[in-house]
Amino acid sequence: YATYGNVDVPHLWPEYARPGTTVLDGERVEIGGRVFGFVGGGLRTPMNTPYEISDEEYAAKVEALGPVDVLCSHIPPEVPELTYDTVARRFER
């Protein structure tokens, strides 16, 4: 299973994803008796990467999932200890 990141171009995934890869975005799936929700993309930034969406679009995708046991998202939760990118040496949005 996979979800899109902010630099991904969703319409290209069928060409590049390996066989057997299930790409989910704003969707949920049951795996091993647990419900996983997948939300892809990134929020808008000055970098203007290919798959940035508005805060409202992102929130709507999260809300549409309903209750899940595990949330899989490209964006970390807004917890300071989890939003610092040690490679880029900056806080993520």
PDB file of N, CA and C in Angstrom:
ATOM      1  N   TYR A   1       0.837  -1.181   0.000  1.00  0.00           N
ATOM      2  CA  TYR A   1       0.000   0.000   0.000  1.00  0.00           C
ATOM      3  C   TYR A   1       0.878   1.239   0.000  1.00  0.00           C
ATOM      4  N   ALA A   2       0.394   2.291  -0.649  1.00  0.00           N
ATOM      5  CA  ALA A   2       1.146   3.543  -0.719  1.00  0.00           C
ATOM      6  C   ALA A   2       0.162   4.697  -0.862  1.00  0.00           C
ATOM      7  N   THR A   3       0.653   5.890  -0.590  1.00  0.00           N
ATOM      8  CA  THR A   3      -0.122   7.098  -0.838  1.00  0.00           C
ATOM      9  C   THR A   3       0.805   8.121  -1.467  1.00  0.00           C
ATOM     10  N   TYR A   4       0.216   9.119  -2.074  1.00  0.00           N
ATOM     11  CA  TYR A   4       0.993  10.127  -2.786  1.00  0.00           C
ATOM     12  C   TYR A   4       1.705  11.080  -1.834  1.00  0.00           C
ATOM     13  N   GLY A   5       2.872  11.553  -2.259  1.00  0.00           N
ATOM     14  CA  GLY A   5       3.594  12.600  -1.550  1.00  0.00           C
ATOM     15  C   GLY A   5       3.441  13.912  -2.295  1.00  0.00           C
ATOM     16  N   ASN A   6       3.962  14.976  -1.728  1.00  0.00           N
ATOM     17  CA  ASN A   6       3.799  16.299  -2.336  1.00  0.00           C
ATOM     18  C   ASN A   6       4.524  16.445  -3.671  1.00  0.00           C
ATOM     19  N   VAL A   7       5.560  15.661  -3.922  1.00  0.00           N
ATOM     20  CA  VAL A   7       6.269  15.777  -5.202  1.00  0.00           C
ATOM     21  C   VAL A   7       5.811  14.733  -6.223  1.00  0.00           C
ATOM     22  N   ASP A   8       4.835  13.926  -5.865  1.00  0.00           N
ATOM     23  CA  ASP A   8       4.325  12.922  -6.793  1.00  0.00           C
ATOM     24  C   ASP A   8       3.342  13.537  -7.788  1.00  0.00           C
ATOM     25  N   VAL A   9       3.237  12.878  -8.924  1.00  0.00           N
ATOM     26  CA  VAL A   9       2.281  13.270  -9.959  1.00  0.00           C
ATOM     27  C   VAL A   9       1.333  12.073 -10.102  1.00  0.00           C
ATOM     28  N   PRO A  10       0.148  12.142  -9.464  1.00  0.00           N
ATOM     29  CA  PRO A  10      -0.730  10.973  -9.404  1.00  0.00           C
ATOM     30  C   PRO A  10      -1.017  10.291 -10.739  1.00  0.00           C
ATOM     31  N   HIS A  11      -1.178  11.027 -11.812  1.00  0.00           N
ATOM     32  CA  HIS A  11      -1.523  10.361 -13.075  1.00  0.00           C
ATOM     33  C   HIS A  11      -0.354   9.548 -13.656  1.00  0.00           C
ATOM     34  N   LEU A  12       0.851   9.720 -13.107  1.00  0.00           N
ATOM     35  CA  LEU A  12       1.996   8.929 -13.567  1.00  0.00           C
ATOM     36  C   LEU A  12       2.185   7.630 -12.774  1.00  0.00           C
ATOM     37  N   TRP A  13       1.520   7.505 -11.638  1.00  0.00           N
ATOM     38  CA  TRP A  13       1.734   6.334 -10.791  1.00  0.00           C
ATOM     39  C   TRP A  13       1.432   5.014 -11.486  1.00  0.00           C
ATOM     40  N   PRO A  14       0.376   4.896 -12.268  1.00  0.00           N
ATOM     41  CA  PRO A  14       0.143   3.597 -12.916  1.00  0.00           C
ATOM     42  C   PRO A  14       1.329   3.144 -13.772  1.00  0.00           C
ATOM     43  N   GLU A  15       2.052   4.084 -14.321  1.00  0.00           N
ATOM     44  CA  GLU A  15       3.197   3.753 -15.169  1.00  0.00           C
ATOM     45  C   GLU A  15       4.420   3.318 -14.349  1.00  0.00           C
ATOM     46  N   TYR A  16       4.566   3.865 -13.145  1.00  0.00           N
ATOM     47  CA  TYR A  16       5.792   3.640 -12.374  1.00  0.00           C
ATOM     48  C   TYR A  16       5.633   2.762 -11.134  1.00  0.00           C
ATOM     49  N   ALA A  17       4.436   2.621 -10.616  1.00  0.00           N
ATOM     50  CA  ALA A  17       4.244   1.784  -9.423  1.00  0.00           C
ATOM     51  C   ALA A  17       4.455   0.322  -9.795  1.00  0.00           C
ATOM     52  N   ARG A  18       5.093  -0.394  -8.918  1.00  0.00           N
ATOM     53  CA  ARG A  18       5.350  -1.811  -9.175  1.00  0.00           C
ATOM     54  C   ARG A  18       4.034  -2.593  -9.133  1.00  0.00           C
ATOM     55  N   PRO A  19       3.974  -3.693  -9.869  1.00  0.00           N
ATOM     56  CA  PRO A  19       2.776  -4.537  -9.821  1.00  0.00           C
ATOM     57  C   PRO A  19       2.470  -4.939  -8.379  1.00  0.00           C
ATOM     58  N   GLY A  20       1.210  -4.910  -8.030  1.00  0.00           N
ATOM     59  CA  GLY A  20       0.794  -5.263  -6.678  1.00  0.00           C
ATOM     60  C   GLY A  20       0.729  -4.091  -5.727  1.00  0.00           C
ATOM     61  N   THR A  21       1.182  -2.912  -6.159  1.00  0.00           N
ATOM     62  CA  THR A  21       1.107  -1.725  -5.303  1.00  0.00           C
ATOM     63  C   THR A  21      -0.301  -1.152  -5.376  1.00  0.00           C
ATOM     64  N   THR A  22      -0.932  -1.007  -4.234  1.00  0.00           N
ATOM     65  CA  THR A  22      -2.247  -0.389  -4.161  1.00  0.00           C
ATOM     66  C   THR A  22      -2.056   1.025  -3.646  1.00  0.00           C
ATOM     67  N   VAL A  23      -2.431   2.000  -4.450  1.00  0.00           N
ATOM     68  CA  VAL A  23      -2.277   3.403  -4.069  1.00  0.00           C
ATOM     69  C   VAL A  23      -3.623   3.914  -3.574  1.00  0.00           C
ATOM     70  N   LEU A  24      -3.637   4.419  -2.346  1.00  0.00           N
ATOM     71  CA  LEU A  24      -4.864   4.929  -1.744  1.00  0.00           C
ATOM     72  C   LEU A  24      -4.671   6.388  -1.362  1.00  0.00           C
ATOM     73  N   ASP A  25      -5.702   7.175  -1.581  1.00  0.00           N
ATOM     74  CA  ASP A  25      -5.659   8.601  -1.232  1.00  0.00           C
ATOM     75  C   ASP A  25      -7.066   9.023  -0.839  1.00  0.00           C
ATOM     76  N   GLY A  26      -7.245   9.319   0.436  1.00  0.00           N
ATOM     77  CA  GLY A  26      -8.581   9.642   0.922  1.00  0.00           C
ATOM     78  C   GLY A  26      -9.450   8.400   1.010  1.00  0.00           C
ATOM     79  N   GLU A  27      -8.795   7.263   1.227  1.00  0.00           N
ATOM     80  CA  GLU A  27      -9.503   5.981   1.267  1.00  0.00           C
ATOM     81  C   GLU A  27      -9.041   5.170   2.467  1.00  0.00           C
ATOM     82  N   ARG A  28      -9.817   4.153   2.780  1.00  0.00           N
ATOM     83  CA  ARG A  28      -9.487   3.277   3.895  1.00  0.00           C
ATOM     84  C   ARG A  28      -9.530   1.832   3.443  1.00  0.00           C
ATOM     85  N   VAL A  29      -8.796   0.994   4.161  1.00  0.00           N
ATOM     86  CA  VAL A  29      -8.737  -0.425   3.831  1.00  0.00           C
ATOM     87  C   VAL A  29      -8.511  -1.200   5.129  1.00  0.00           C
ATOM     88  N   GLU A  30      -9.041  -2.404   5.192  1.00  0.00           N
ATOM     89  CA  GLU A  30      -8.800  -3.248   6.355  1.00  0.00           C
ATOM     90  C   GLU A  30      -7.627  -4.174   6.052  1.00  0.00           C
ATOM     91  N   ILE A  31      -6.655  -4.169   6.952  1.00  0.00           N
ATOM     92  CA  ILE A  31      -5.470  -5.015   6.821  1.00  0.00           C
ATOM     93  C   ILE A  31      -5.268  -5.718   8.163  1.00  0.00           C
ATOM     94  N   GLY A  32      -5.323  -7.006   8.157  1.00  0.00           N
ATOM     95  CA  GLY A  32      -5.088  -7.755   9.392  1.00  0.00           C
ATOM     96  C   GLY A  32      -6.031  -7.395  10.518  1.00  0.00           C
ATOM     97  N   GLY A  33      -7.275  -7.083  10.183  1.00  0.00           N
ATOM     98  CA  GLY A  33      -8.264  -6.761  11.209  1.00  0.00           C
ATOM     99  C   GLY A  33      -8.227  -5.328  11.711  1.00  0.00           C
ATOM    100  N   ARG A  34      -7.372  -4.512  11.157  1.00  0.00           N
ATOM    101  CA  ARG A  34      -7.300  -3.092  11.532  1.00  0.00           C
ATOM    102  C   ARG A  34      -7.672  -2.234  10.333  1.00  0.00           C
ATOM    103  N   VAL A  35      -8.287  -1.090  10.615  1.00  0.00           N
ATOM    104  CA  VAL A  35      -8.680  -0.169   9.544  1.00  0.00           C
ATOM    105  C   VAL A  35      -7.596   0.894   9.380  1.00  0.00           C
ATOM    106  N   PHE A  36      -7.049   0.969   8.176  1.00  0.00           N
ATOM    107  CA  PHE A  36      -6.019   1.947   7.834  1.00  0.00           C
ATOM    108  C   PHE A  36      -6.641   2.992   6.926  1.00  0.00           C
ATOM    109  N   GLY A  37      -6.383   4.260   7.214  1.00  0.00           N
ATOM    110  CA  GLY A  37      -6.829   5.346   6.353  1.00  0.00           C
ATOM    111  C   GLY A  37      -5.616   6.000   5.710  1.00  0.00           C
ATOM    112  N   PHE A  38      -5.708   6.293   4.424  1.00  0.00           N
ATOM    113  CA  PHE A  38      -4.591   6.868   3.671  1.00  0.00           C
ATOM    114  C   PHE A  38      -4.961   8.246   3.144  1.00  0.00           C
ATOM    115  N   VAL A  39      -4.103   9.220   3.417  1.00  0.00           N
ATOM    116  CA  VAL A  39      -4.302  10.585   2.917  1.00  0.00           C
ATOM    117  C   VAL A  39      -2.979  11.057   2.333  1.00  0.00           C
ATOM    118  N   GLY A  40      -2.984  11.350   1.044  1.00  0.00           N
ATOM    119  CA  GLY A  40      -1.760  11.747   0.367  1.00  0.00           C
ATOM    120  C   GLY A  40      -1.697  13.229   0.063  1.00  0.00           C
ATOM    121  N   GLY A  41      -0.574  13.604  -0.517  1.00  0.00           N
ATOM    122  CA  GLY A  41      -0.363  14.996  -0.912  1.00  0.00           C
ATOM    123  C   GLY A  41       0.263  15.813   0.196  1.00  0.00           C
ATOM    124  N   GLY A  42       0.525  17.051  -0.131  1.00  0.00           N
ATOM    125  CA  GLY A  42       1.093  17.983   0.831  1.00  0.00           C
ATOM    126  C   GLY A  42       0.310  19.276   0.814  1.00  0.00           C
ATOM    127  N   LEU A  43       0.446  20.045   1.863  1.00  0.00           N
ATOM    128  CA  LEU A  43      -0.226  21.349   1.919  1.00  0.00           C
ATOM    129  C   LEU A  43       0.555  22.360   1.094  1.00  0.00           C
ATOM    130  N   ARG A  44      -0.111  23.406   0.700  1.00  0.00           N
ATOM    131  CA  ARG A  44       0.508  24.418  -0.165  1.00  0.00           C
ATOM    132  C   ARG A  44       1.710  25.073   0.533  1.00  0.00           C
ATOM    133  N   THR A  45       2.787  25.224  -0.250  1.00  0.00           N
ATOM    134  CA  THR A  45       4.011  25.855   0.236  1.00  0.00           C
ATOM    135  C   THR A  45       4.555  26.751  -0.873  1.00  0.00           C
ATOM    136  N   PRO A  46       5.538  27.592  -0.558  1.00  0.00           N
ATOM    137  CA  PRO A  46       6.167  28.402  -1.605  1.00  0.00           C
ATOM    138  C   PRO A  46       6.895  27.556  -2.654  1.00  0.00           C
ATOM    139  N   MET A  47       7.147  26.287  -2.354  1.00  0.00           N
ATOM    140  CA  MET A  47       7.869  25.429  -3.294  1.00  0.00           C
ATOM    141  C   MET A  47       7.002  24.985  -4.468  1.00  0.00           C
ATOM    142  N   ASN A  48       5.687  25.052  -4.304  1.00  0.00           N
ATOM    143  CA  ASN A  48       4.750  24.733  -5.386  1.00  0.00           C
ATOM    144  C   ASN A  48       5.042  23.377  -6.029  1.00  0.00           C
ATOM    145  N   THR A  49       5.129  22.340  -5.204  1.00  0.00           N
ATOM    146  CA  THR A  49       5.373  20.996  -5.720  1.00  0.00           C
ATOM    147  C   THR A  49       4.104  20.446  -6.379  1.00  0.00           C
ATOM    148  N   PRO A  50       4.234  19.396  -7.201  1.00  0.00           N
ATOM    149  CA  PRO A  50       3.116  18.954  -8.038  1.00  0.00           C
ATOM    150  C   PRO A  50       1.831  18.554  -7.316  1.00  0.00           C
ATOM    151  N   TYR A  51       1.929  17.917  -6.146  1.00  0.00           N
ATOM    152  CA  TYR A  51       0.703  17.446  -5.505  1.00  0.00           C
ATOM    153  C   TYR A  51       0.475  18.146  -4.170  1.00  0.00           C
ATOM    154  N   GLU A  52       0.419  19.466  -4.223  1.00  0.00           N
ATOM    155  CA  GLU A  52       0.035  20.258  -3.055  1.00  0.00           C
ATOM    156  C   GLU A  52      -1.452  20.557  -3.182  1.00  0.00           C
ATOM    157  N   ILE A  53      -2.148  20.453  -2.062  1.00  0.00           N
ATOM    158  CA  ILE A  53      -3.579  20.735  -2.054  1.00  0.00           C
ATOM    159  C   ILE A  53      -3.871  21.729  -0.942  1.00  0.00           C
ATOM    160  N   SER A  54      -5.039  22.323  -0.992  1.00  0.00           N
ATOM    161  CA  SER A  54      -5.405  23.324   0.014  1.00  0.00           C
ATOM    162  C   SER A  54      -5.646  22.654   1.366  1.00  0.00           C
ATOM    163  N   ASP A  55      -5.551  23.447   2.412  1.00  0.00           N
ATOM    164  CA  ASP A  55      -5.831  22.946   3.759  1.00  0.00           C
ATOM    165  C   ASP A  55      -7.235  22.348   3.813  1.00  0.00           C
ATOM    166  N   GLU A  56      -8.177  23.000   3.131  1.00  0.00           N
ATOM    167  CA  GLU A  56      -9.571  22.550   3.143  1.00  0.00           C
ATOM    168  C   GLU A  56      -9.720  21.192   2.449  1.00  0.00           C
ATOM    169  N   GLU A  57      -9.042  21.016   1.316  1.00  0.00           N
ATOM    170  CA  GLU A  57      -9.096  19.731   0.606  1.00  0.00           C
ATOM    171  C   GLU A  57      -8.504  18.616   1.465  1.00  0.00           C
ATOM    172  N   TYR A  58      -7.387  18.926   2.105  1.00  0.00           N
ATOM    173  CA  TYR A  58      -6.729  17.926   2.942  1.00  0.00           C
ATOM    174  C   TYR A  58      -7.631  17.541   4.114  1.00  0.00           C
ATOM    175  N   ALA A  59      -8.193  18.550   4.777  1.00  0.00           N
ATOM    176  CA  ALA A  59      -9.081  18.294   5.917  1.00  0.00           C
ATOM    177  C   ALA A  59     -10.291  17.470   5.488  1.00  0.00           C
ATOM    178  N   ALA A  60     -10.821  17.741   4.304  1.00  0.00           N
ATOM    179  CA  ALA A  60     -11.979  16.992   3.808  1.00  0.00           C
ATOM    180  C   ALA A  60     -11.623  15.521   3.589  1.00  0.00           C
ATOM    181  N   LYS A  61     -10.409  15.257   3.081  1.00  0.00           N
ATOM    182  CA  LYS A  61      -9.993  13.867   2.879  1.00  0.00           C
ATOM    183  C   LYS A  61      -9.856  13.143   4.220  1.00  0.00           C
ATOM    184  N   VAL A  62      -9.288  13.821   5.210  1.00  0.00           N
ATOM    185  CA  VAL A  62      -9.139  13.212   6.538  1.00  0.00           C
ATOM    186  C   VAL A  62     -10.517  12.945   7.136  1.00  0.00           C
ATOM    187  N   GLU A  63     -11.397  13.923   7.061  1.00  0.00           N
ATOM    188  CA  GLU A  63     -12.749  13.796   7.617  1.00  0.00           C
ATOM    189  C   GLU A  63     -13.514  12.654   6.946  1.00  0.00           C
ATOM    190  N   ALA A  64     -13.357  12.508   5.635  1.00  0.00           N
ATOM    191  CA  ALA A  64     -14.088  11.480   4.884  1.00  0.00           C
ATOM    192  C   ALA A  64     -13.676  10.061   5.279  1.00  0.00           C
ATOM    193  N   LEU A  65     -12.500   9.910   5.860  1.00  0.00           N
ATOM    194  CA  LEU A  65     -12.052   8.577   6.273  1.00  0.00           C
ATOM    195  C   LEU A  65     -12.920   8.001   7.371  1.00  0.00           C
ATOM    196  N   GLY A  66     -13.418   8.859   8.258  1.00  0.00           N
ATOM    197  CA  GLY A  66     -14.119   8.365   9.426  1.00  0.00           C
ATOM    198  C   GLY A  66     -13.121   7.770  10.403  1.00  0.00           C
ATOM    199  N   PRO A  67     -13.609   7.011  11.375  1.00  0.00           N
ATOM    200  CA  PRO A  67     -12.706   6.424  12.370  1.00  0.00           C
ATOM    201  C   PRO A  67     -11.769   5.386  11.738  1.00  0.00           C
ATOM    202  N   VAL A  68     -10.496   5.451  12.099  1.00  0.00           N
ATOM    203  CA  VAL A  68      -9.511   4.473  11.635  1.00  0.00           C
ATOM    204  C   VAL A  68      -8.639   4.052  12.812  1.00  0.00           C
ATOM    205  N   ASP A  69      -8.036   2.894  12.692  1.00  0.00           N
ATOM    206  CA  ASP A  69      -7.088   2.438  13.709  1.00  0.00           C
ATOM    207  C   ASP A  69      -5.709   3.034  13.470  1.00  0.00           C
ATOM    208  N   VAL A  70      -5.352   3.185  12.188  1.00  0.00           N
ATOM    209  CA  VAL A  70      -4.037   3.704  11.818  1.00  0.00           C
ATOM    210  C   VAL A  70      -4.219   4.719  10.700  1.00  0.00           C
ATOM    211  N   LEU A  71      -3.670   5.916  10.890  1.00  0.00           N
ATOM    212  CA  LEU A  71      -3.715   6.943   9.852  1.00  0.00           C
ATOM    213  C   LEU A  71      -2.362   6.980   9.147  1.00  0.00           C
ATOM    214  N   CYS A  72      -2.379   6.795   7.837  1.00  0.00           N
ATOM    215  CA  CYS A  72      -1.167   6.837   7.017  1.00  0.00           C
ATOM    216  C   CYS A  72      -1.244   8.093   6.167  1.00  0.00           C
ATOM    217  N   SER A  73      -0.371   9.041   6.443  1.00  0.00           N
ATOM    218  CA  SER A  73      -0.409  10.300   5.702  1.00  0.00           C
ATOM    219  C   SER A  73       1.007  10.709   5.322  1.00  0.00           C
ATOM    220  N   HIS A  74       1.097  11.483   4.254  1.00  0.00           N
ATOM    221  CA  HIS A  74       2.407  11.981   3.851  1.00  0.00           C
ATOM    222  C   HIS A  74       2.862  13.095   4.790  1.00  0.00           C
ATOM    223  N   ILE A  75       1.916  13.814   5.351  1.00  0.00           N
ATOM    224  CA  ILE A  75       2.215  14.931   6.254  1.00  0.00           C
ATOM    225  C   ILE A  75       2.210  14.417   7.690  1.00  0.00           C
ATOM    226  N   PRO A  76       3.232  14.740   8.481  1.00  0.00           N
ATOM    227  CA  PRO A  76       3.225  14.307   9.874  1.00  0.00           C
ATOM    228  C   PRO A  76       2.175  15.083  10.666  1.00  0.00           C
ATOM    229  N   PRO A  77       1.722  14.517  11.787  1.00  0.00           N
ATOM    230  CA  PRO A  77       0.787  15.258  12.634  1.00  0.00           C
ATOM    231  C   PRO A  77       1.435  16.551  13.126  1.00  0.00           C
ATOM    232  N   GLU A  78       0.621  17.516  13.470  1.00  0.00           N
ATOM    233  CA  GLU A  78       1.156  18.807  13.913  1.00  0.00           C
ATOM    234  C   GLU A  78       1.621  18.714  15.370  1.00  0.00           C
ATOM    235  N   VAL A  79       2.673  17.946  15.551  1.00  0.00           N
ATOM    236  CA  VAL A  79       3.327  17.759  16.839  1.00  0.00           C
ATOM    237  C   VAL A  79       4.773  18.187  16.615  1.00  0.00           C
ATOM    238  N   PRO A  80       5.244  19.219  17.315  1.00  0.00           N
ATOM    239  CA  PRO A  80       6.576  19.766  17.024  1.00  0.00           C
ATOM    240  C   PRO A  80       7.686  18.722  16.895  1.00  0.00           C
ATOM    241  N   GLU A  81       7.681  17.717  17.742  1.00  0.00           N
ATOM    242  CA  GLU A  81       8.734  16.707  17.698  1.00  0.00           C
ATOM    243  C   GLU A  81       8.681  15.866  16.420  1.00  0.00           C
ATOM    244  N   LEU A  82       7.542  15.872  15.733  1.00  0.00           N
ATOM    245  CA  LEU A  82       7.376  15.044  14.541  1.00  0.00           C
ATOM    246  C   LEU A  82       7.430  15.833  13.238  1.00  0.00           C
ATOM    247  N   THR A  83       7.481  17.146  13.314  1.00  0.00           N
ATOM    248  CA  THR A  83       7.427  17.943  12.086  1.00  0.00           C
ATOM    249  C   THR A  83       8.773  18.521  11.669  1.00  0.00           C
ATOM    250  N   TYR A  84       9.828  18.221  12.396  1.00  0.00           N
ATOM    251  CA  TYR A  84      11.141  18.734  12.014  1.00  0.00           C
ATOM    252  C   TYR A  84      11.827  17.749  11.086  1.00  0.00           C
ATOM    253  N   ASP A  85      12.171  18.190   9.890  1.00  0.00           N
ATOM    254  CA  ASP A  85      12.862  17.358   8.904  1.00  0.00           C
ATOM    255  C   ASP A  85      14.360  17.455   9.177  1.00  0.00           C
ATOM    256  N   THR A  86      14.946  16.361   9.640  1.00  0.00           N
ATOM    257  CA  THR A  86      16.365  16.386  10.003  1.00  0.00           C
ATOM    258  C   THR A  86      17.282  16.448   8.790  1.00  0.00           C
ATOM    259  N   VAL A  87      16.791  16.076   7.617  1.00  0.00           N
ATOM    260  CA  VAL A  87      17.600  16.159   6.404  1.00  0.00           C
ATOM    261  C   VAL A  87      17.572  17.583   5.856  1.00  0.00           C
ATOM    262  N   ALA A  88      16.359  18.135   5.702  1.00  0.00           N
ATOM    263  CA  ALA A  88      16.226  19.498   5.170  1.00  0.00           C
ATOM    264  C   ALA A  88      16.543  20.555   6.228  1.00  0.00           C
ATOM    265  N   ARG A  89      16.573  20.129   7.484  1.00  0.00           N
ATOM    266  CA  ARG A  89      16.847  21.023   8.618  1.00  0.00           C
ATOM    267  C   ARG A  89      15.866  22.188   8.693  1.00  0.00           C
ATOM    268  N   ARG A  90      14.594  21.819   8.613  1.00  0.00           N
ATOM    269  CA  ARG A  90      13.536  22.817   8.733  1.00  0.00           C
ATOM    270  C   ARG A  90      12.261  22.113   9.179  1.00  0.00           C
ATOM    271  N   PHE A  91      11.327  22.910   9.689  1.00  0.00           N
ATOM    272  CA  PHE A  91      10.036  22.363  10.067  1.00  0.00           C
ATOM    273  C   PHE A  91       9.182  22.177   8.825  1.00  0.00           C
ATOM    274  N   GLU A  92       8.471  21.065   8.770  1.00  0.00           N
ATOM    275  CA  GLU A  92       7.555  20.784   7.669  1.00  0.00           C
ATOM    276  C   GLU A  92       6.213  21.434   7.959  1.00  0.00           C
ATOM    277  N   ARG A  93       5.498  21.699   6.914  1.00  0.00           N
ATOM    278  CA  ARG A  93       4.142  22.229   7.058  1.00  0.00           C
ATOM    279  C   ARG A  93       3.184  21.105   6.838  1.00  0.00           C
TER     280      ARG A  93
END
